């Protein structure tokens, strides 16, 4: 399969289905940078370590670096996404179904973001791909269970490991700094939290950027008459394209989501914000190396809850947590059903 940039451009201009798939994928990446990336910098802003605009610019830069660098070092998350579903041997219908899956993600993500609710584009993507695969294969035969089970691992791991790491890191920081002057430690943690937020932004790009690289790569394979991307190396230009789009999406901001994650869930001090950022970044790094796609929103939220639990459980606003959990629960059936219906409709029309 020819994966050169010029060949891709020629195919996009001559194949309407690939053009729509590309535009939708880049649109989802942009929305992801707009809605999900603010989670990475929420604690940094709400503890007043950085101004919103400066934090957004920093997040955009490190999202870019995360997508580009991590994909070259370890592209296992992109591989998991690409091999999660089977769209069958008819690559024309497969490309149409892929369009439907991406359309469902955009619709769901935009609606949720209008209400200032942190979305999980990761779960939206997985649900969208699964719904389209079920539609085109007329059953669950289109689901690769061995790859899909990694999603279930990630769902549990992001909650358990994120919470545990948040609690452990914050507890260690509390014990180590117990006898130190509060004003000096606040000065240190102000800058430490900026580093933590940058790390979180980097890992957000590494996780979420790879997921959508995998989708666009799959679309290229369908256009070339191949039903899978097994054995094909992801080109550097594709990494650059996706990382730039995600960075642009991040630069748009997302102050309502920053408020929802960083202020409403639990009130954080600077050392707590640092603990949440560091622990969630470490959790994301572990999952990325293992090739397990997880939600950065899930991970960051769990880490914040773990940090809050060090002080007392009542410090956590469980009303906000409940709203987020309901959103996550509805993501799979919501996006899956939309994708299923749109896939059937698109295949009928086109």
Protein backbone atom coordinates (compact mmCIF):
# COMPACT_ATOMS: atom_id res chain seq x y z
CA UNK A 1 0.00 0.00 0.00
CA UNK A 2 1.36 3.40 -1.05
CA UNK A 3 1.13 5.69 2.00
CA UNK A 4 2.98 8.70 0.59
CA UNK A 5 1.48 12.14 1.16
CA UNK A 6 1.05 12.95 -2.55
CA UNK A 7 -0.75 9.66 -3.19
CA UNK A 8 -3.05 10.39 -0.23
CA UNK A 9 -3.89 13.87 -1.61
CA UNK A 10 -4.66 12.41 -5.04
CA UNK A 11 -6.94 9.80 -3.50
CA UNK A 12 -8.75 12.37 -1.38
CA UNK A 13 -9.42 14.55 -4.44
CA UNK A 14 -10.68 11.64 -6.55
CA UNK A 15 -12.53 9.60 -3.93
CA UNK A 16 -15.48 11.44 -2.28
CA UNK A 17 -15.84 8.78 0.42
CA UNK A 18 -12.20 9.15 1.49
CA UNK A 19 -12.55 12.94 1.37
CA UNK A 20 -15.53 12.82 3.74
CA UNK A 21 -13.76 10.30 5.99
CA UNK A 22 -10.68 12.50 6.15
CA UNK A 23 -12.66 15.66 6.90
CA UNK A 24 -14.69 13.90 9.58
CA UNK A 25 -11.59 12.36 11.18
CA UNK A 26 -9.80 15.70 11.28
CA UNK A 27 -13.01 17.25 12.63
CA UNK A 28 -13.15 14.69 15.44
CA UNK A 29 -9.46 15.27 16.22
CA UNK A 30 -10.14 19.02 16.37
CA UNK A 31 -13.15 18.51 18.66
CA UNK A 32 -11.05 16.17 20.81
CA UNK A 33 -8.38 18.83 21.21
CA UNK A 34 -11.11 21.34 22.02
CA UNK A 35 -13.14 19.29 24.52
CA UNK A 36 -10.76 16.71 26.00
CA UNK A 37 -7.48 18.64 26.21
CA UNK A 38 -8.84 21.16 28.76
CA UNK A 39 -9.01 18.26 31.23
CA UNK A 40 -5.22 18.13 31.16
CA UNK A 41 -4.84 21.75 32.27
CA UNK A 42 -7.97 22.13 34.41
CA UNK A 43 -6.23 21.69 37.77
CA UNK A 44 -3.32 23.92 36.74
CA UNK A 45 -5.73 26.77 35.94
CA UNK A 46 -8.07 26.37 38.90
CA UNK A 47 -5.17 26.37 41.40
CA UNK A 48 -4.02 29.63 39.73
CA UNK A 49 -0.65 28.34 38.66
CA UNK A 50 -1.29 29.56 35.12
CA UNK A 51 -3.70 31.84 33.31
CA UNK A 52 -6.21 30.15 31.05
CA UNK A 53 -4.74 31.40 27.78
CA UNK A 54 -1.16 30.50 28.70
CA UNK A 55 -2.26 27.05 29.85
CA UNK A 56 -4.18 26.45 26.62
CA UNK A 57 -1.16 27.39 24.50
CA UNK A 58 1.06 25.10 26.57
CA UNK A 59 -1.44 22.26 26.22
CA UNK A 60 -1.60 22.75 22.44
CA UNK A 61 2.19 22.49 22.13
CA UNK A 62 2.49 19.38 24.30
CA UNK A 63 -0.51 17.71 22.67
CA UNK A 64 1.33 18.12 19.38
CA UNK A 65 4.54 16.65 20.83
CA UNK A 66 2.66 13.77 22.46
CA UNK A 67 1.02 12.69 19.21
CA UNK A 68 4.16 12.99 17.14
CA UNK A 69 6.81 11.59 19.49
CA UNK A 70 4.86 8.78 21.16
CA UNK A 71 3.43 7.45 17.89
CA UNK A 72 6.98 7.02 16.57
CA UNK A 73 8.14 5.30 19.77
CA UNK A 74 5.12 3.09 20.41
CA UNK A 75 2.11 2.96 18.07
CA UNK A 76 0.36 0.05 19.81
CA UNK A 77 -2.74 2.10 20.70
CA UNK A 78 -3.23 3.03 17.03
CA UNK A 79 -2.82 -0.66 16.15
CA UNK A 80 -5.45 -1.69 18.70
CA UNK A 81 -7.98 0.78 17.28
CA UNK A 82 -7.27 -0.25 13.68
CA UNK A 83 -7.76 -3.95 14.45
CA UNK A 84 -10.69 -3.63 16.87
CA UNK A 85 -13.42 -4.15 14.26
CA UNK A 86 -13.84 -5.96 10.96
CA UNK A 87 -15.78 -4.11 8.27
CA UNK A 88 -15.73 -7.07 5.89
CA UNK A 89 -14.21 -7.56 2.45
CA UNK A 90 -16.20 -4.87 0.62
CA UNK A 91 -13.85 -1.92 1.15
CA UNK A 92 -16.24 0.57 -0.52
CA UNK A 93 -18.98 -0.21 1.99
CA UNK A 94 -16.38 -0.28 4.76
CA UNK A 95 -15.30 3.28 3.93
CA UNK A 96 -18.94 4.42 4.00
CA UNK A 97 -19.48 2.72 7.37
CA UNK A 98 -16.36 4.42 8.71
CA UNK A 99 -17.86 7.78 7.69
CA UNK A 100 -21.00 6.94 9.66
CA UNK A 101 -18.96 6.04 12.75
CA UNK A 102 -17.08 9.34 12.65
CA UNK A 103 -20.29 11.30 12.07
CA UNK A 104 -21.80 9.85 15.25
CA UNK A 105 -18.74 10.91 17.27
CA UNK A 106 -18.91 14.53 16.08
CA UNK A 107 -22.62 14.79 16.87
CA UNK A 108 -22.32 13.27 20.33
CA UNK A 109 -19.19 15.25 21.29
CA UNK A 110 -20.52 18.63 20.20
CA UNK A 111 -23.84 18.19 22.03
CA UNK A 112 -22.09 17.16 25.25
CA UNK A 113 -19.58 20.02 25.05
CA UNK A 114 -22.38 22.59 24.71
CA UNK A 115 -23.48 21.62 28.22
CA UNK A 116 -19.92 21.87 29.55
CA UNK A 117 -19.76 18.15 30.28
CA UNK A 118 -16.39 16.41 29.81
CA UNK A 119 -16.78 13.89 27.02
CA UNK A 120 -14.86 10.74 26.28
CA UNK A 121 -13.99 10.81 22.60
CA UNK A 122 -12.15 7.54 23.23
CA UNK A 123 -15.34 5.73 24.17
CA UNK A 124 -17.27 7.60 21.47
CA UNK A 125 -14.78 6.38 18.87
CA UNK A 126 -14.93 2.80 20.09
CA UNK A 127 -18.74 2.86 20.22
CA UNK A 128 -18.96 4.46 16.77
CA UNK A 129 -16.66 1.93 15.15
CA UNK A 130 -18.45 -0.95 16.85
CA UNK A 131 -21.91 0.26 15.82
CA UNK A 132 -20.83 0.66 12.19
CA UNK A 133 -19.14 -2.76 12.16
CA UNK A 134 -22.27 -4.43 13.52
CA UNK A 135 -24.35 -2.65 10.87
CA UNK A 136 -22.16 -3.68 7.94
CA UNK A 137 -21.71 -7.27 9.16
CA UNK A 138 -25.32 -7.58 10.36
CA UNK A 139 -24.16 -8.92 13.71
CA UNK A 140 -21.41 -8.97 16.29
CA UNK A 141 -19.16 -10.91 13.89
CA UNK A 142 -17.66 -7.53 12.99
CA UNK A 143 -16.21 -7.12 16.50
CA UNK A 144 -12.71 -8.40 17.22
CA UNK A 145 -13.22 -9.58 20.79
CA UNK A 146 -9.50 -10.02 21.50
CA UNK A 147 -8.85 -6.34 20.76
CA UNK A 148 -12.17 -5.05 22.11
CA UNK A 149 -11.54 -6.63 25.51
CA UNK A 150 -8.64 -4.21 25.92
CA UNK A 151 -11.26 -1.47 26.10
CA UNK A 152 -12.83 -3.18 29.10
CA UNK A 153 -9.43 -3.51 30.73
CA UNK A 154 -8.84 0.18 30.12
CA UNK A 155 -12.24 1.14 31.50
CA UNK A 156 -11.49 -0.56 34.81
CA UNK A 157 -7.78 0.29 34.90
CA UNK A 158 -8.28 4.01 34.29
CA UNK A 159 -10.61 4.17 37.27
CA UNK A 160 -8.73 1.93 39.69
CA UNK A 161 -5.14 2.85 38.80
CA UNK A 162 -5.97 6.55 38.35
CA UNK A 163 -7.62 6.72 41.78
CA UNK A 164 -4.91 4.65 43.47
CA UNK A 165 -2.05 6.64 41.95
CA UNK A 166 -3.74 9.92 42.85
CA UNK A 167 -4.13 8.81 46.46
CA UNK A 168 -0.59 7.39 46.77
CA UNK A 169 1.19 10.36 45.15
CA UNK A 170 -0.77 12.91 47.17
CA UNK A 171 -0.23 10.95 50.39
CA UNK A 172 3.54 10.80 49.77
CA UNK A 173 3.69 14.51 49.04
CA UNK A 174 1.72 15.25 52.23
CA UNK A 175 4.06 13.12 54.38
CA UNK A 176 7.26 14.48 52.79
CA UNK A 177 6.19 18.12 53.10
CA UNK A 178 4.55 17.84 56.54
CA UNK A 179 7.28 19.76 58.38
CA UNK A 180 8.13 22.28 55.66
CA UNK A 181 7.18 25.94 55.41
CA UNK A 182 3.85 26.23 53.55
CA UNK A 183 4.78 29.36 51.63
CA UNK A 184 7.95 27.78 50.23
CA UNK A 185 6.25 24.57 49.24
CA UNK A 186 3.48 26.52 47.49
CA UNK A 187 6.13 28.29 45.44
CA UNK A 188 7.69 24.97 44.46
CA UNK A 189 4.41 23.25 43.63
CA UNK A 190 3.30 26.18 41.48
CA UNK A 191 6.06 25.35 39.00
CA UNK A 192 5.89 21.61 39.62
CA UNK A 193 2.23 21.64 38.69
CA UNK A 194 3.00 23.42 35.42
CA UNK A 195 5.39 20.56 34.61
CA UNK A 196 2.71 18.07 35.64
CA UNK A 197 0.11 19.73 33.41
CA UNK A 198 2.55 19.70 30.49
CA UNK A 199 3.13 15.97 31.08
CA UNK A 200 -0.60 15.35 31.19
CA UNK A 201 -1.07 17.25 27.91
CA UNK A 202 1.73 15.22 26.33
CA UNK A 203 0.13 11.94 27.34
CA UNK A 204 -3.29 13.12 26.22
CA UNK A 205 -1.86 13.62 22.76
CA UNK A 206 -0.09 10.27 22.92
CA UNK A 207 -3.30 8.40 23.79
CA UNK A 208 -6.04 10.22 21.88
CA UNK A 209 -3.90 11.24 18.91
CA UNK A 210 -2.97 7.62 18.24
CA UNK A 211 -6.61 6.52 18.31
CA UNK A 212 -7.58 8.83 15.47
CA UNK A 213 -4.40 8.19 13.52
CA UNK A 214 -5.50 4.54 13.54
CA UNK A 215 -8.92 5.49 12.12
CA UNK A 216 -7.56 7.67 9.31
CA UNK A 217 -4.99 5.00 8.47
CA UNK A 218 -7.82 2.47 8.24
CA UNK A 219 -9.68 4.78 5.84
CA UNK A 220 -6.58 4.97 3.63
CA UNK A 221 -6.38 1.17 3.58
CA UNK A 222 -10.04 0.85 2.50
CA UNK A 223 -9.45 3.33 -0.30
CA UNK A 224 -6.56 1.17 -1.52
CA UNK A 225 -8.73 -1.94 -1.52
CA UNK A 226 -7.23 -3.38 1.67
CA UNK A 227 -9.47 -4.52 4.53
CA UNK A 228 -6.76 -4.07 7.20
CA UNK A 229 -3.53 -2.19 7.93
CA UNK A 230 -1.62 -5.16 9.33
CA UNK A 231 2.10 -4.83 8.71
CA UNK A 232 1.94 -1.31 7.25
CA UNK A 233 4.02 1.38 8.97
CA UNK A 234 2.28 4.65 9.90
CA UNK A 235 3.86 7.48 7.83
CA UNK A 236 5.41 10.47 9.59
CA UNK A 237 3.30 12.97 7.62
CA UNK A 238 0.13 11.40 9.07
CA UNK A 239 1.47 11.83 12.61
CA UNK A 240 2.27 15.49 11.88
CA UNK A 241 -1.13 16.16 10.31
CA UNK A 242 -3.08 14.72 13.24
CA UNK A 243 -0.90 16.39 15.87
CA UNK A 244 -1.24 19.82 14.23
CA UNK A 245 -5.04 19.53 14.04
CA UNK A 246 -5.26 18.44 17.68
CA UNK A 247 -3.05 21.35 18.71
CA UNK A 248 -5.30 23.78 16.84
CA UNK A 249 -8.35 22.32 18.56
CA UNK A 250 -6.70 22.76 21.94
CA UNK A 251 -5.93 26.39 21.18
CA UNK A 252 -9.68 27.07 20.95
CA UNK A 253 -9.89 26.46 24.68
CA UNK A 254 -12.70 25.05 26.77
CA UNK A 255 -13.17 27.14 29.91
CA UNK A 256 -16.51 25.58 30.84
CA UNK A 257 -14.95 22.13 30.88
CA UNK A 258 -11.99 23.44 32.90
CA UNK A 259 -14.47 24.70 35.48
CA UNK A 260 -16.42 21.42 35.52
CA UNK A 261 -13.35 19.23 36.05
CA UNK A 262 -11.07 21.45 38.10
CA UNK A 263 -13.45 23.43 40.30
CA UNK A 264 -16.77 21.69 40.71
CA UNK A 265 -15.53 18.18 41.49
CA UNK A 266 -13.14 18.93 44.32
CA UNK A 267 -11.37 22.06 45.57
CA UNK A 268 -7.65 21.58 45.05
CA UNK A 269 -4.55 23.20 46.45
CA UNK A 270 -1.33 23.45 44.44
CA UNK A 271 0.27 20.30 45.82
CA UNK A 272 -2.95 18.40 45.19
CA UNK A 273 -3.13 19.66 41.63
CA UNK A 274 0.45 18.49 41.06
CA UNK A 275 -0.38 15.08 42.51
CA UNK A 276 -3.43 14.71 40.25
CA UNK A 277 -1.50 15.71 37.12
CA UNK A 278 1.50 13.50 37.83
CA UNK A 279 -0.52 10.42 38.76
CA UNK A 280 -2.85 10.67 35.74
CA UNK A 281 0.11 11.20 33.38
CA UNK A 282 1.84 8.10 34.79
CA UNK A 283 -1.35 6.05 34.42
CA UNK A 284 -1.74 7.17 30.79
CA UNK A 285 1.90 6.34 30.06
CA UNK A 286 1.43 2.82 31.41
CA UNK A 287 -1.72 2.23 29.37
CA UNK A 288 -0.14 3.65 26.20
CA UNK A 289 2.90 1.39 26.45
CA UNK A 290 0.59 -1.61 26.91
CA UNK A 291 -1.47 -0.59 23.88
CA UNK A 292 -4.66 -0.18 25.90
CA UNK A 293 -6.91 2.71 24.76
CA UNK A 294 -8.29 4.60 27.77
CA UNK A 295 -10.20 7.80 28.32
CA UNK A 296 -8.03 10.71 29.45
CA UNK A 297 -11.16 12.16 31.05
CA UNK A 298 -11.70 8.94 33.01
CA UNK A 299 -8.09 8.88 34.12
CA UNK A 300 -7.83 12.52 35.16
CA UNK A 301 -11.17 12.44 36.97
CA UNK A 302 -10.19 9.29 38.89
CA UNK A 303 -6.84 10.83 39.88
CA UNK A 304 -8.59 13.97 41.16
CA UNK A 305 -10.95 11.82 43.24
CA UNK A 306 -7.97 9.89 44.65
CA UNK A 307 -6.28 13.16 45.62
CA UNK A 308 -9.47 14.44 47.23
CA UNK A 309 -9.86 11.20 49.20
CA UNK A 310 -6.53 11.81 50.96
CA UNK A 311 -8.06 14.78 52.74
CA UNK A 312 -11.53 13.35 53.24
CA UNK A 313 -14.17 11.71 51.08
CA UNK A 314 -16.55 14.60 51.72
CA UNK A 315 -14.14 16.87 49.81
CA UNK A 316 -15.34 15.25 46.57
CA UNK A 317 -18.47 16.62 44.92
CA UNK A 318 -20.11 13.30 44.11
CA UNK A 319 -22.93 15.07 42.28
CA UNK A 320 -20.48 16.08 39.55
CA UNK A 321 -18.95 12.61 39.57
CA UNK A 322 -22.40 11.08 39.13
CA UNK A 323 -23.17 13.32 36.15
CA UNK A 324 -19.88 12.34 34.50
CA UNK A 325 -20.44 8.65 35.12
CA UNK A 326 -23.90 8.87 33.54
CA UNK A 327 -22.35 10.58 30.53
CA UNK A 328 -19.80 7.78 30.16
CA UNK A 329 -22.47 5.09 30.56
CA UNK A 330 -24.60 6.66 27.81
CA UNK A 331 -21.65 7.10 25.44
CA UNK A 332 -21.44 3.48 24.31
CA UNK A 333 -25.12 2.89 23.49
CA UNK A 334 -25.63 6.51 22.33
CA UNK A 335 -22.79 6.63 19.82
CA UNK A 336 -23.22 2.99 18.93
CA UNK A 337 -26.89 3.40 17.99
CA UNK A 338 -26.27 6.63 16.05
CA UNK A 339 -23.41 4.96 14.18
CA UNK A 340 -25.46 1.84 13.44
CA UNK A 341 -28.36 3.87 12.02
CA UNK A 342 -26.10 6.19 10.02
CA UNK A 343 -24.10 3.26 8.62
CA UNK A 344 -27.29 1.58 7.38
CA UNK A 345 -28.52 4.91 5.95
CA UNK A 346 -25.22 5.78 4.27
CA UNK A 347 -24.93 2.33 2.68
CA UNK A 348 -28.50 2.63 1.36
CA UNK A 349 -27.89 6.11 -0.12
CA UNK A 350 -24.38 5.58 -1.48
